[in-house]
Protein backbone atom coordinates (compact mmCIF):
# COMPACT_ATOMS: atom_id res chain seq x y z
CA MET A 1 -1.93 -103.88 30.75
CA MET A 2 -1.32 -101.21 29.05
CA LYS A 3 -0.51 -98.44 31.62
CA LYS A 4 1.97 -100.97 33.57
CA TYR A 5 3.62 -101.52 30.17
CA LEU A 6 3.71 -97.68 29.52
CA MET A 7 5.10 -96.97 33.50
CA THR A 8 7.76 -99.26 33.18
CA LEU A 9 9.07 -98.08 29.75
CA VAL A 10 8.94 -94.61 31.56
CA ALA A 11 11.16 -96.47 34.72
CA VAL A 12 13.36 -97.70 31.82
CA VAL A 13 14.05 -94.67 30.07
CA LEU A 14 14.69 -92.75 33.61
CA SER A 15 17.23 -95.28 34.51
CA ALA A 16 18.88 -94.42 31.58
CA MET A 17 19.09 -91.00 31.80
CA GLY A 18 20.15 -91.93 35.36
CA ILE A 19 17.49 -90.05 37.02
CA GLN A 20 16.49 -91.71 40.20
CA ALA A 21 12.46 -92.84 40.49
CA GLN A 22 10.86 -91.11 43.66
CA THR A 23 7.49 -92.51 45.46
CA PRO A 24 5.43 -90.36 44.83
CA ASP A 25 2.31 -89.19 47.20
CA LEU A 26 -0.36 -91.35 47.30
CA SER A 27 -2.10 -89.27 49.42
CA GLN A 28 -5.35 -88.58 46.60
CA PHE A 29 -5.03 -92.23 45.72
CA LEU A 30 -5.10 -94.52 48.42
CA SER A 31 -6.89 -93.75 52.40
CA ILE A 32 -6.70 -95.71 55.53
CA ASP A 33 -9.90 -94.55 57.60
CA THR A 34 -9.49 -96.77 60.60
CA VAL A 35 -6.49 -98.75 62.72
CA ASN A 36 -7.79 -101.58 64.62
CA PHE A 37 -5.77 -102.12 67.75
CA LYS A 38 -7.32 -104.64 69.60
CA THR A 39 -6.83 -107.95 72.17
CA VAL A 40 -8.31 -111.09 70.11
CA GLN A 41 -7.53 -113.68 73.12
CA LYS A 42 -6.83 -112.27 76.96
CA TYR A 43 -4.33 -114.47 78.99
CA THR A 44 -5.63 -117.29 81.84
CA HIS A 45 -3.68 -120.01 83.72
CA ASP A 46 0.12 -118.90 83.15
CA PHE A 47 0.26 -118.18 79.05
CA ALA A 48 -2.74 -120.03 77.44
CA THR A 49 -5.59 -118.18 75.81
CA GLU A 50 -8.99 -117.83 75.09
CA ASP A 51 -10.56 -115.81 72.34
CA TYR A 52 -11.49 -112.21 73.52
CA VAL A 53 -14.53 -109.58 72.08
CA GLY A 54 -14.92 -106.99 74.54
CA GLU A 55 -13.53 -103.33 74.51
CA LYS A 56 -10.97 -103.52 76.81
CA MET A 57 -7.60 -104.72 76.53
CA TYR A 58 -5.95 -107.32 78.01
CA ALA A 59 -2.17 -109.25 77.99
CA GLY A 60 -2.19 -112.14 75.46
CA MET A 61 -2.59 -111.84 71.53
CA GLN A 62 -3.23 -108.58 69.94
CA SER A 63 -4.03 -107.85 66.24
CA ILE A 64 -3.53 -104.66 64.26
CA SER A 65 -5.08 -104.59 61.45
CA PHE A 66 -6.43 -102.07 59.03
CA GLU A 67 -7.54 -100.96 54.54
CA LEU A 68 -6.44 -99.44 52.31
CA LYS A 69 -8.81 -97.93 49.87
CA GLY A 70 -7.91 -96.60 46.76
CA ALA A 71 -10.63 -93.36 45.50
CA ASN A 72 -12.35 -93.30 42.60
CA ILE A 73 -11.14 -91.58 39.58
CA PRO A 74 -13.38 -91.10 36.73
CA ASP A 75 -12.17 -90.57 33.40
CA VAL A 76 -12.93 -89.17 29.94
CA GLU A 77 -12.73 -91.54 26.88
CA GLY A 78 -11.28 -94.07 28.37
CA LYS A 79 -7.84 -92.26 30.01
CA PRO A 80 -7.94 -91.00 34.23
CA THR A 81 -8.63 -86.97 34.47
CA VAL A 82 -5.59 -87.24 36.81
CA GLU A 83 -1.90 -88.27 36.19
CA ILE A 84 -1.86 -91.98 37.60
CA PRO A 85 1.81 -91.68 39.10
CA ASP A 86 4.57 -94.50 38.64
CA ILE A 87 4.36 -96.70 41.92
CA GLN A 88 7.80 -98.03 43.87
CA LEU A 89 5.78 -101.15 45.62
CA ASP A 90 8.25 -101.98 47.13
CA THR A 91 8.78 -98.76 49.32
CA LEU A 92 5.65 -98.85 50.46
CA THR A 93 5.97 -99.97 54.90
CA ALA A 94 3.82 -100.02 57.28
CA LEU A 95 5.36 -99.02 60.57
CA LEU A 96 3.29 -99.78 63.95
CA THR A 97 4.98 -99.03 67.50
CA LEU A 98 3.98 -99.18 70.90
CA ASN A 99 5.64 -96.94 72.98
CA ASP A 100 4.78 -96.56 77.17
CA LYS A 101 4.64 -93.32 78.71
CA TYR A 102 8.27 -92.97 79.98
CA GLU A 103 8.76 -93.01 75.87
CA ARG A 104 10.16 -96.46 75.85
CA GLU A 105 9.22 -98.90 72.71
CA HIS A 106 7.51 -102.02 73.63
CA PHE A 107 6.79 -103.50 70.07
CA ARG A 108 7.81 -102.48 66.39
CA SER A 109 6.80 -103.20 63.38
CA ASN A 110 8.34 -101.83 60.48
CA SER A 111 8.52 -103.75 57.27
CA TYR A 112 7.91 -103.80 53.63
CA LEU A 113 3.35 -105.03 53.00
CA SER A 114 3.12 -108.37 51.76
CA ASP A 115 3.35 -108.96 48.62
CA GLU A 116 -0.88 -109.88 48.45
CA ILE A 117 -1.05 -106.44 49.35
CA LEU A 118 1.00 -104.83 47.08
CA ASP A 119 -0.58 -106.51 44.17
CA GLU A 120 -3.91 -105.25 45.93
CA VAL A 121 -2.43 -101.66 45.29
CA ASN A 122 -1.23 -102.12 41.97
CA ASP A 123 -4.62 -103.29 41.35
CA TYR A 124 -5.85 -99.67 42.70
CA PHE A 125 -4.39 -98.25 39.73
CA ALA A 126 -5.95 -100.93 37.03
CA PHE A 127 -8.90 -99.95 34.42
CA GLU A 128 -12.01 -101.61 35.59
CA SER A 129 -16.01 -100.22 34.92
CA GLY A 130 -14.58 -96.16 33.89
CA TYR A 131 -12.95 -95.87 36.73
CA TRP A 132 -9.19 -96.18 37.95
CA SER A 133 -9.62 -97.63 41.62
CA GLN A 134 -9.99 -100.82 43.71
CA THR A 135 -12.14 -101.14 46.46
CA SER A 136 -9.76 -102.15 49.78
CA ALA A 137 -7.16 -104.11 50.86
CA PRO A 138 -7.03 -105.77 53.96
CA TYR A 139 -3.93 -105.64 56.45
CA MET A 140 -3.03 -107.63 59.83
CA VAL A 141 -0.16 -107.67 62.15
CA SER A 142 -0.45 -109.96 65.25
CA PHE A 143 1.95 -110.15 68.11
CA ASP A 144 1.63 -111.61 72.14
CA PHE A 145 2.19 -109.32 74.29
CA ALA A 146 2.20 -109.90 78.52
CA ARG A 147 3.04 -106.31 80.39
CA GLY A 148 -0.21 -104.33 80.99
CA GLY A 149 0.11 -100.48 81.35
CA GLU A 150 -0.13 -97.40 79.85
CA TYR A 151 1.06 -97.24 75.70
CA ILE A 152 0.38 -94.60 73.18
CA PHE A 153 0.13 -97.28 69.37
CA ARG A 154 1.39 -95.02 66.48
CA SER A 155 0.70 -96.00 62.86
CA GLN A 156 2.41 -94.38 60.27
CA PHE A 157 2.03 -94.46 56.67
CA ASP A 158 4.58 -92.26 54.74
CA PHE A 159 3.27 -93.14 51.02
CA ILE A 160 -0.13 -91.53 52.26
CA GLY A 161 0.69 -88.80 54.98
CA PHE A 162 -1.19 -90.99 57.75
CA ASP A 163 0.77 -90.63 61.05
CA LYS A 164 -1.87 -91.23 63.85
CA GLN A 165 -1.15 -91.52 68.34
CA LYS A 166 -3.64 -92.92 70.13
CA ALA A 167 -3.61 -93.98 74.17
CA VAL A 168 -4.13 -97.77 74.74
CA THR A 169 -4.41 -99.25 78.99
CA ILE A 170 -3.60 -102.88 78.86
CA TYR A 171 -5.37 -104.70 81.77
CA ASP A 172 -3.47 -107.73 83.09
CA GLU A 173 -4.28 -109.70 86.88
CA PRO A 174 -1.72 -109.78 88.90
CA SER A 175 0.18 -113.28 88.58
CA LEU A 176 2.72 -116.10 88.80
CA ARG A 177 2.88 -117.22 85.12
CA ILE A 178 4.47 -120.66 84.68
CA VAL A 179 6.42 -122.27 82.15
CA PRO A 180 7.83 -125.57 83.33
CA ASP A 181 8.82 -129.40 81.86
CA PRO A 182 6.78 -131.68 83.90
CA VAL A 183 8.31 -134.76 82.26
CA VAL A 184 12.23 -134.69 82.05
CA ARG A 185 14.13 -138.08 81.38
CA ILE A 186 17.24 -139.19 84.06
CA GLY A 187 20.19 -137.13 83.33
CA GLU A 188 18.79 -134.08 81.57
CA ASP A 189 18.10 -130.57 83.93
CA ALA A 190 14.55 -129.65 85.16
CA ASP A 191 14.55 -126.00 83.64
CA ILE A 192 11.49 -123.94 84.80
CA LYS A 193 11.14 -120.34 84.18
CA ALA A 194 8.61 -118.34 86.67
CA PHE A 195 7.15 -114.90 85.36
CA PHE A 196 6.20 -112.52 88.71
CA ASN A 197 3.39 -110.02 87.19
CA THR A 198 1.88 -106.81 89.51
CA GLY A 199 -0.80 -106.78 86.57
CA TYR A 200 -2.18 -102.98 85.72
CA PRO A 201 -3.30 -101.51 87.27
CA TYR A 202 -1.59 -102.08 90.78
CA ASP A 203 -0.72 -99.78 93.97
CA ILE A 204 2.46 -99.32 93.57
CA ASN A 205 2.97 -98.34 97.41
CA SER A 206 1.89 -102.14 98.22
CA LEU A 207 5.37 -103.22 97.74
CA THR A 208 8.22 -102.32 99.19
CA GLY A 209 10.80 -103.24 97.21
CA GLU A 210 11.93 -105.53 99.57
CA GLU A 211 9.67 -108.91 98.49
CA TYR A 212 11.08 -112.32 97.73
CA ALA A 213 10.33 -115.38 96.13
CA LYS A 214 10.88 -118.65 98.38
CA VAL A 215 11.37 -121.92 95.78
CA THR A 216 11.25 -125.58 97.90
CA VAL A 217 11.95 -128.74 96.70
CA TYR A 218 10.11 -132.15 97.80
CA LYS A 219 10.36 -135.28 97.02
CA GLN A 220 8.11 -138.13 97.13
CA LEU A 221 8.64 -141.19 98.78
CA THR A 222 7.98 -144.66 98.19
CA ASP A 223 4.89 -144.38 100.51
CA SER A 224 3.50 -141.16 99.25
CA THR A 225 4.64 -138.70 102.20
CA VAL A 226 7.51 -136.09 100.22
CA ALA A 227 10.74 -134.99 101.97
CA GLU A 228 12.50 -131.17 101.64
CA VAL A 229 15.57 -131.76 98.95
CA SER A 230 16.42 -127.84 99.29
CA ALA A 231 15.17 -124.14 100.03
CA GLN A 232 16.33 -120.82 98.52
CA GLN A 233 15.04 -117.38 98.51
CA TYR A 234 15.26 -114.75 95.37
CA PRO A 235 14.96 -111.22 95.60
CA LEU A 236 11.96 -109.68 93.40
CA HIS A 237 12.39 -106.56 91.66
CA LEU A 238 8.70 -105.51 91.18
CA LYS A 239 8.43 -101.95 92.65
CA ASP A 240 9.37 -99.20 89.96
CA GLU A 241 9.18 -96.14 91.34
CA ALA A 242 9.99 -94.37 88.12
CA HIS A 243 7.55 -96.51 86.45
CA PRO A 244 4.73 -96.72 87.73
CA LEU A 245 1.98 -96.40 85.02
CA VAL A 246 3.49 -100.21 83.60
CA ALA A 247 3.02 -103.45 85.28
CA GLY A 248 6.78 -104.94 87.66
CA ILE A 249 7.87 -107.89 86.17
CA ASP A 250 10.41 -109.74 87.25
CA THR A 251 11.54 -113.68 85.98
CA LEU A 252 12.77 -116.74 87.97
CA GLN A 253 15.02 -119.37 86.01
CA LEU A 254 15.12 -122.32 87.92
CA LYS A 255 16.69 -125.54 87.34
CA LEU A 256 16.79 -128.69 88.91
CA VAL A 257 20.48 -130.42 87.68
CA LYS A 258 20.20 -133.72 87.40
CA PRO A 259 17.76 -134.82 89.53
CA GLU A 260 16.93 -138.45 90.66
CA LEU A 261 14.60 -140.74 89.08
CA GLY A 262 11.36 -140.27 91.34
CA ASN A 263 8.64 -137.43 91.05
CA TYR A 264 9.24 -133.77 92.66
CA LEU A 265 7.13 -130.81 94.38
CA ILE A 266 8.30 -127.66 93.46
CA ARG A 267 6.46 -124.84 95.43
CA ILE A 268 7.10 -121.55 94.83
CA GLU A 269 6.03 -118.87 97.46
CA SER A 270 5.82 -114.92 97.60
CA SER A 271 5.63 -112.03 100.42
CA TRP A 272 3.77 -110.72 98.40
CA ASP A 273 0.34 -111.31 99.25
CA ALA A 274 -1.12 -110.43 95.73
CA ILE A 275 0.90 -113.05 94.39
CA GLU A 276 -0.98 -117.10 95.13
CA THR A 277 1.48 -119.45 96.11
CA ARG A 278 1.89 -122.15 93.41
CA ASP A 279 2.78 -126.00 93.88
CA LEU A 280 4.24 -127.80 90.68
CA PHE A 281 4.71 -131.16 90.06
CA VAL A 282 7.66 -132.63 88.08
CA SER A 283 8.42 -136.10 86.57
CA VAL A 284 11.71 -137.89 86.08
CA GLN A 285 11.04 -140.51 84.02
CA ASP A 286 13.48 -143.51 83.27
CA THR A 287 15.49 -143.59 79.86
CA LEU A 288 15.11 -146.45 77.49
CA ARG A 289 18.59 -148.24 76.97
CA ALA A 290 18.77 -150.51 74.37
CA THR A 291 22.05 -152.16 72.45
CA VAL A 292 21.34 -153.68 68.94
CA THR A 293 23.74 -155.91 66.88
CA LEU A 294 23.94 -157.66 63.24
CA ASP A 295 25.38 -161.11 63.43
CA LYS A 296 27.61 -159.93 60.86
CA GLN A 297 28.68 -156.94 58.56
CA THR A 298 28.77 -158.10 55.17
CA TYR A 299 25.73 -160.11 53.55
CA ASP A 300 26.08 -162.01 50.16
CA LEU A 301 22.08 -161.89 48.74
CA ALA A 302 22.80 -164.99 46.65
CA THR A 303 23.17 -167.08 49.22
CA ASP A 304 22.47 -165.48 53.24
CA LYS A 305 18.92 -165.94 53.12
CA ASN A 306 18.62 -163.97 56.87
CA ALA A 307 20.25 -161.24 59.04
CA GLN A 308 20.05 -161.44 62.55
CA LEU A 309 18.93 -158.90 64.33
CA HIS A 310 19.79 -159.17 68.09
CA ILE A 311 17.90 -156.72 70.94
CA LYS A 312 18.54 -156.16 73.91
CA MET A 313 16.93 -153.42 76.37
CA ASP A 314 15.70 -152.21 79.55
CA TYR A 315 13.32 -149.69 80.40
CA GLY A 316 12.87 -148.51 84.21
CA TYR A 317 9.31 -147.46 85.42
CA PRO A 318 7.30 -145.28 85.20
CA HIS A 319 8.29 -144.69 81.44
CA VAL A 320 8.08 -141.80 79.19
CA VAL A 321 5.01 -140.18 78.64
CA ALA A 322 3.58 -141.60 74.94
CA VAL A 323 0.81 -141.31 73.08
CA LYS A 324 -1.53 -144.95 73.50
CA PRO A 325 -3.02 -145.91 69.82
CA ASP A 326 -2.81 -148.97 70.92
CA THR A 327 -5.64 -151.31 72.94
CA ILE A 328 -2.55 -153.05 74.98
CA PRO A 329 0.83 -151.53 75.43
CA THR A 330 2.74 -152.39 72.84
CA ILE A 331 6.88 -152.09 71.43
CA ARG A 332 7.14 -151.96 67.76
CA ILE A 333 10.81 -152.74 66.81
CA SER A 334 11.26 -151.33 62.92
CA ALA A 335 14.31 -152.15 60.84
CA ASN A 336 14.55 -150.59 57.79
CA LEU A 337 17.35 -151.17 55.38
CA ILE A 338 18.49 -147.59 54.01
CA LYS A 339 20.39 -147.16 50.67
CA ALA A 340 22.52 -143.83 50.61
CA VAL A 341 22.09 -142.24 47.19
CA ASP A 342 23.91 -139.16 48.16
CA ASP A 343 24.91 -137.03 51.37
CA ASN A 344 21.07 -135.56 51.06
CA THR A 345 19.21 -138.72 49.35
CA THR A 346 18.24 -141.79 50.72
CA ILE A 347 15.83 -144.76 49.57
CA ASN A 348 14.10 -147.51 51.71
CA ILE A 349 14.76 -151.30 49.87
CA PHE A 350 13.53 -153.38 53.01
CA ALA A 351 11.21 -152.63 55.93
CA ASP A 352 10.53 -154.95 58.46
CA THR A 353 8.36 -154.61 61.94
CA LEU A 354 8.83 -156.71 65.03
CA VAL A 355 5.23 -156.34 67.54
CA LEU A 356 5.59 -157.24 71.23
CA ALA A 357 2.48 -156.87 72.49
CA SER A 358 2.14 -157.08 76.80
CA ASP A 359 -0.34 -156.21 79.38
CA THR A 360 1.99 -155.52 81.92
CA LEU A 361 4.67 -153.52 79.82
CA ALA A 362 2.84 -149.87 80.78
CA THR A 363 3.39 -150.81 84.72
CA LYS A 364 6.31 -152.65 85.52
CA ASP A 365 10.11 -151.83 83.66
CA LEU A 366 10.82 -153.30 80.56
CA ARG A 367 13.27 -156.32 79.73
CA TYR A 368 13.55 -157.70 76.68
CA GLU A 369 16.35 -160.12 75.11
CA GLY A 370 16.20 -161.79 71.34
CA ASP A 371 17.04 -162.49 68.21
CA TRP A 372 14.52 -161.06 65.15
CA MET A 373 15.49 -161.99 61.79
CA LEU A 374 15.07 -160.70 58.80
CA ASP A 375 13.96 -162.03 55.45
CA LEU A 376 16.46 -160.94 53.20
CA THR A 377 14.90 -162.44 50.11
CA LYS A 378 12.48 -160.23 49.91
CA ILE A 379 15.11 -157.07 49.12
CA GLU A 380 15.43 -156.99 45.53
CA SER A 381 18.99 -156.53 44.72
CA SER A 382 18.56 -155.70 40.74
CA GLY A 383 19.68 -151.95 41.81
CA LEU A 384 22.19 -152.95 43.97
CA THR A 385 26.03 -152.94 43.67
CA ALA A 386 28.76 -153.87 46.21
CA ASP A 387 30.28 -150.22 46.77
CA ASP A 388 26.69 -149.11 47.84
CA SER A 389 26.20 -147.23 50.79
CA THR A 390 23.62 -149.31 53.07
CA PHE A 391 22.18 -149.45 56.64
CA PHE A 392 19.50 -150.97 59.15
CA GLN A 393 17.57 -148.16 60.97
CA VAL A 394 16.47 -149.24 63.87
CA ALA A 395 13.72 -147.80 65.48
CA VAL A 396 11.83 -148.79 69.00
CA ILE A 397 8.38 -147.44 69.75
CA PHE A 398 6.45 -147.24 72.82
CA ASN A 399 2.81 -146.67 72.70
CA GLY A 400 2.88 -144.63 70.02
CA GLY A 401 6.02 -142.20 70.88
CA ARG A 402 9.76 -142.81 69.29
CA GLN A 403 11.98 -143.98 72.24
CA TYR A 404 15.15 -145.40 70.90
CA GLU A 405 16.88 -144.83 67.53
CA THR A 406 19.56 -146.45 65.55
CA ALA A 407 21.74 -146.84 62.43
CA ILE A 408 23.93 -150.05 61.89
CA PRO A 409 26.35 -149.96 58.91
CA LEU A 410 26.34 -152.89 56.40
CA LYS A 411 27.53 -154.08 53.70
CA LEU A 412 25.44 -156.24 50.84
CA LYS A 413 26.81 -158.46 47.64
CA PRO A 414 23.60 -158.76 45.26
CA ALA A 415 22.94 -161.87 43.79
CA ALA A 416 23.38 -162.24 40.01
CA THR A 417 20.68 -161.25 38.03
CA GLY A 418 21.31 -163.55 35.04
CA ILE A 419 23.09 -166.90 34.16
CA THR A 420 26.54 -166.33 32.83
CA THR A 421 29.47 -168.39 30.86
CA ALA A 422 31.10 -170.24 33.78
CA THR A 423 34.72 -168.82 34.69
CA GLU A 424 37.74 -171.02 35.63
CA GLN A 425 36.60 -170.67 39.43
CA ARG A 426 34.03 -172.77 38.85
CA THR A 427 34.02 -176.59 39.94
CA ASP A 428 32.05 -178.88 38.91
CA ASP A 429 29.94 -179.27 42.27
CA ASP A 430 28.41 -175.58 41.03
CA ILE A 431 24.64 -175.42 40.57
CA TYR A 432 22.86 -172.55 39.44
CA THR A 433 19.27 -171.41 39.31
CA LEU A 434 18.14 -170.22 36.30
CA ASN A 435 18.02 -167.01 37.76
CA GLY A 436 22.08 -167.14 37.50
CA ILE A 437 22.44 -167.67 41.75
CA ARG A 438 25.12 -170.34 43.01
CA ILE A 439 23.67 -173.31 45.21
CA SER A 440 25.82 -175.22 47.07
CA SER A 441 25.74 -178.70 45.83
CA ARG A 442 25.67 -180.32 49.18
CA GLN A 443 22.13 -178.26 49.69
CA GLN A 444 18.76 -180.61 49.33
CA LEU A 445 17.98 -179.33 45.61
CA SER A 446 13.71 -178.52 46.26
CA PRO A 447 12.10 -179.95 42.45
CA GLY A 448 12.75 -177.75 39.76
CA ILE A 449 15.16 -177.05 36.22
CA TYR A 450 18.89 -176.27 37.92
CA ILE A 451 22.16 -175.88 35.76
CA ARG A 452 25.35 -177.75 35.63
CA LYS A 453 28.23 -177.44 33.69
CA GLY A 454 26.35 -175.38 31.18
CA ARG A 455 23.86 -177.39 31.10
CA LYS A 456 19.88 -178.10 32.52
CA VAL A 457 19.29 -180.41 35.26
CA ILE A 458 15.60 -181.57 36.03
CA ILE A 459 15.13 -182.81 39.56
CA LYS A 460 12.03 -184.05 40.47
């Protein structure tokens, strides 16, 4: 602690004198034995990965790791035998790059070391057990890399004079990797990205430069046969004679513009034999349509006991895929009464759920229309005012998946919370409960104690 205090004091004095503190050479205090660059997960199908522990490097998830190590500095009577420099930790950076053999950069990590690493570096210069040192500080960088080829990996740490290069080969197989959107809702576009890759190593002479991809779209008919919807050819740019030491890659962006309801087969073929034909299935499914309305816009909590929520929905089969936690297909309609406290804060003052369950919900079109009576007597009105902004948030959850949501604004007139002196507007017919809630004289009263004309009235 004393050392850190003195270092800070020196920095302040230098700053006051207008002297700019410089980052010293720390090579005699810190070192890096090795920098490990390896594949930790390799690509399997499309862009899926599996753990990999071999010696070769493959396209997939890569990891770069190293350790900063401190040198033991003996001391004499509690003082180090060498001068410990004033370290400006925020200037310590690790520069890691991956360039191909044609000096094109494919990856760069050039940032300040993490706070945890800087803390470790600072600890190197803490006095412990007769030495100014610490053992090691691990550091790791991970990134995804999809292109095989011949590369030069370079690691630079200026603060210790470390600058090394290593030749690496990244292997890969010829492939057609697809990022599909297998399920879309009606009215949406189906977007598909197809990545053609020669893999590495490959024989560039096996390519003519005239390669193409053919994309055919079929729609499934009701008798389970298919009918061709469209077919189109796309040129592929896989042969790069100027750069044969990296894999040839080309990407197709395919789009089905608002396809009709139903199931589709998309067949992607290539004129290059090394890449196999792929069949992709896309399902265009219906969207839940719903209307939710309240019987009125303002409710007086002194007299209105219920709010009537009218719900109408339809949902064509097949339905959008959803999680199914219930034993039978279930629709849950949740209604939450929300009060807006400010622009960023809301509180939930009432909640209820309507549950519709049926064995046939998952196998046919959904049709429902009905009224749902929400019990307003459950609302605690003591914290409400007539000026509060409130709304019902209604959501439809089908088989665990949220399919529809809407917000319906409403006004709440809070009930009185106590008995007050009668005003000129009060009539002889006004009757109140002991809680100050007004009741019409025409309403049949339950047994109990009431207030009329300022006097207690007992109803038996």
